[in-house]
Each structure stands twice: as C-alpha cells, then as structure tokens.
Amino acid sequence: MSEDPTKNIGEKYQTSPTLETIVQMLAELREQMNARFDGLETRIERLEARMDGFELRLERVEEQLDRMTSVVHETRADLREVEKRLKEAA
C-alpha cells in the first residue's frame, strides 16, 4: 500500500475486495431473507387454509344450534299445550 496522495483511492486503500465482500454478503443476506419470506408465506397459506376449514366447521355448528333452538322452542310450545289441556281436563 502506497502513501502517495496522488494515487487514486482504489489503489491506495485497495477497497475493491472489501466492497466485493460486502456486496457478496448482502447478496447472501438477501437470499436468506427471501428463503425466510418464502417459508413464512407458505406458513401463512397453510394457516389460511386451516382457518377456512374452521370457518366451515363453525358454520355447521351454527346451523345445528339453530335447528336445536327451533326444536327446543317447538318442545316448549308442545309442553304448554299439554299443560293447558291437563288444566282443562282437571
């Protein structure tokens, strides 16, 4: 390394290998981040698929609860009718 101030900075400090190393490290970091992002994207897609499945199941449960509620209301109405008839018969 020369201390001659007339030399250009590339020759004086030999920065090219350092810059190449930094560029290479940044490229590797980018690849790692892309791989992680792809993995994260895959996990999100799986999670969305599971959530869709849960949503369908929840809709089925809601439908069954609606049917059960209707049956309970009908049963109560029937019981009131039976009570009414028993009172009339007594």
Protein backbone atom coordinates (compact mmCIF):
# COMPACT_ATOMS: atom_id res chain seq x y z
CA MET A 1 0.00 0.00 0.00
CA SER A 2 1.47 3.31 -1.03
CA GLU A 3 1.08 6.50 0.98
CA ASP A 4 1.35 8.55 -2.21
CA PRO A 5 -1.54 11.07 -2.17
CA THR A 6 -1.53 11.15 -5.97
CA LYS A 7 -2.68 7.54 -6.21
CA ASN A 8 -6.39 7.05 -6.62
CA ILE A 9 -8.29 5.80 -3.58
CA GLY A 10 -8.83 2.32 -5.09
CA GLU A 11 -5.13 1.76 -5.46
CA LYS A 12 -4.24 3.50 -2.20
CA TYR A 13 -6.62 1.57 0.03
CA GLN A 14 -7.41 -1.43 -2.16
CA THR A 15 -11.13 -1.14 -1.39
CA SER A 16 -12.31 -3.35 -4.22
CA PRO A 17 -12.00 -6.67 -2.36
CA THR A 18 -13.75 -5.18 0.66
CA LEU A 19 -16.60 -3.82 -1.45
CA GLU A 20 -16.90 -7.12 -3.28
CA THR A 21 -17.07 -8.90 0.07
CA ILE A 22 -19.81 -6.53 1.24
CA VAL A 23 -21.78 -7.00 -1.97
CA GLN A 24 -21.43 -10.77 -1.63
CA MET A 25 -22.55 -10.65 2.00
CA LEU A 26 -25.55 -8.51 1.04
CA ALA A 27 -26.46 -10.97 -1.73
CA GLU A 28 -26.27 -13.86 0.74
CA LEU A 29 -28.37 -11.93 3.23
CA ARG A 30 -30.93 -11.22 0.51
CA GLU A 31 -31.08 -14.94 -0.34
CA GLN A 32 -31.56 -15.83 3.33
CA MET A 33 -34.29 -13.23 3.73
CA ASN A 34 -36.03 -14.46 0.57
CA ALA A 35 -35.89 -18.04 1.85
CA ARG A 36 -37.36 -16.97 5.18
CA PHE A 37 -40.04 -14.94 3.44
CA ASP A 38 -40.94 -17.92 1.25
CA GLY A 39 -41.17 -20.10 4.36
CA LEU A 40 -43.31 -17.51 6.09
CA GLU A 41 -45.53 -17.19 3.04
CA THR A 42 -46.02 -20.96 2.98
CA ARG A 43 -46.94 -21.00 6.68
CA ILE A 44 -49.42 -18.17 6.17
CA GLU A 45 -51.04 -20.05 3.29
CA ARG A 46 -51.36 -23.18 5.46
CA LEU A 47 -52.82 -21.11 8.29
CA GLU A 48 -55.35 -19.52 5.92
CA ALA A 49 -56.38 -22.97 4.70
CA ARG A 50 -56.88 -24.14 8.29
CA MET A 51 -58.87 -21.02 9.11
CA ASP A 52 -61.12 -21.71 6.10
CA GLY A 53 -61.70 -25.21 7.48
CA PHE A 54 -62.52 -23.82 10.92
CA GLU A 55 -64.90 -21.33 9.35
CA LEU A 56 -66.79 -24.10 7.57
CA ARG A 57 -67.00 -26.13 10.77
CA LEU A 58 -68.23 -23.13 12.71
CA GLU A 59 -70.95 -22.53 10.12
CA ARG A 60 -72.08 -26.15 10.51
CA VAL A 61 -72.17 -25.80 14.30
CA GLU A 62 -74.21 -22.61 13.96
CA GLU A 63 -76.67 -24.40 11.68
CA GLN A 64 -77.03 -27.26 14.16
CA LEU A 65 -77.55 -24.81 17.02
CA ASP A 66 -80.25 -23.04 15.02
CA ARG A 67 -82.01 -26.38 14.42
CA MET A 68 -81.70 -27.32 18.10
CA THR A 69 -83.07 -23.94 19.15
CA SER A 70 -86.06 -24.48 16.89
CA VAL A 71 -86.65 -27.92 18.37
CA VAL A 72 -86.44 -26.50 21.91
CA HIS A 73 -88.98 -23.80 21.04
CA GLU A 74 -91.32 -26.36 19.49
CA THR A 75 -90.95 -28.62 22.54
CA ARG A 76 -91.77 -25.74 24.88
CA ALA A 77 -94.83 -24.89 22.83
CA ASP A 78 -95.91 -28.53 22.93
CA LEU A 79 -95.42 -28.64 26.71
CA ARG A 80 -97.50 -25.50 27.16
CA GLU A 81 -100.23 -27.09 25.08
CA VAL A 82 -100.07 -30.27 27.18
CA GLU A 83 -100.22 -28.21 30.40
CA LYS A 84 -103.19 -26.29 29.06
CA ARG A 85 -105.06 -29.48 28.18
CA LEU A 86 -104.25 -31.03 31.57
CA LYS A 87 -105.61 -27.97 33.34
CA GLU A 88 -108.75 -28.06 31.20
CA ALA A 89 -109.24 -31.78 31.90
CA ALA A 90 -108.83 -31.35 35.62
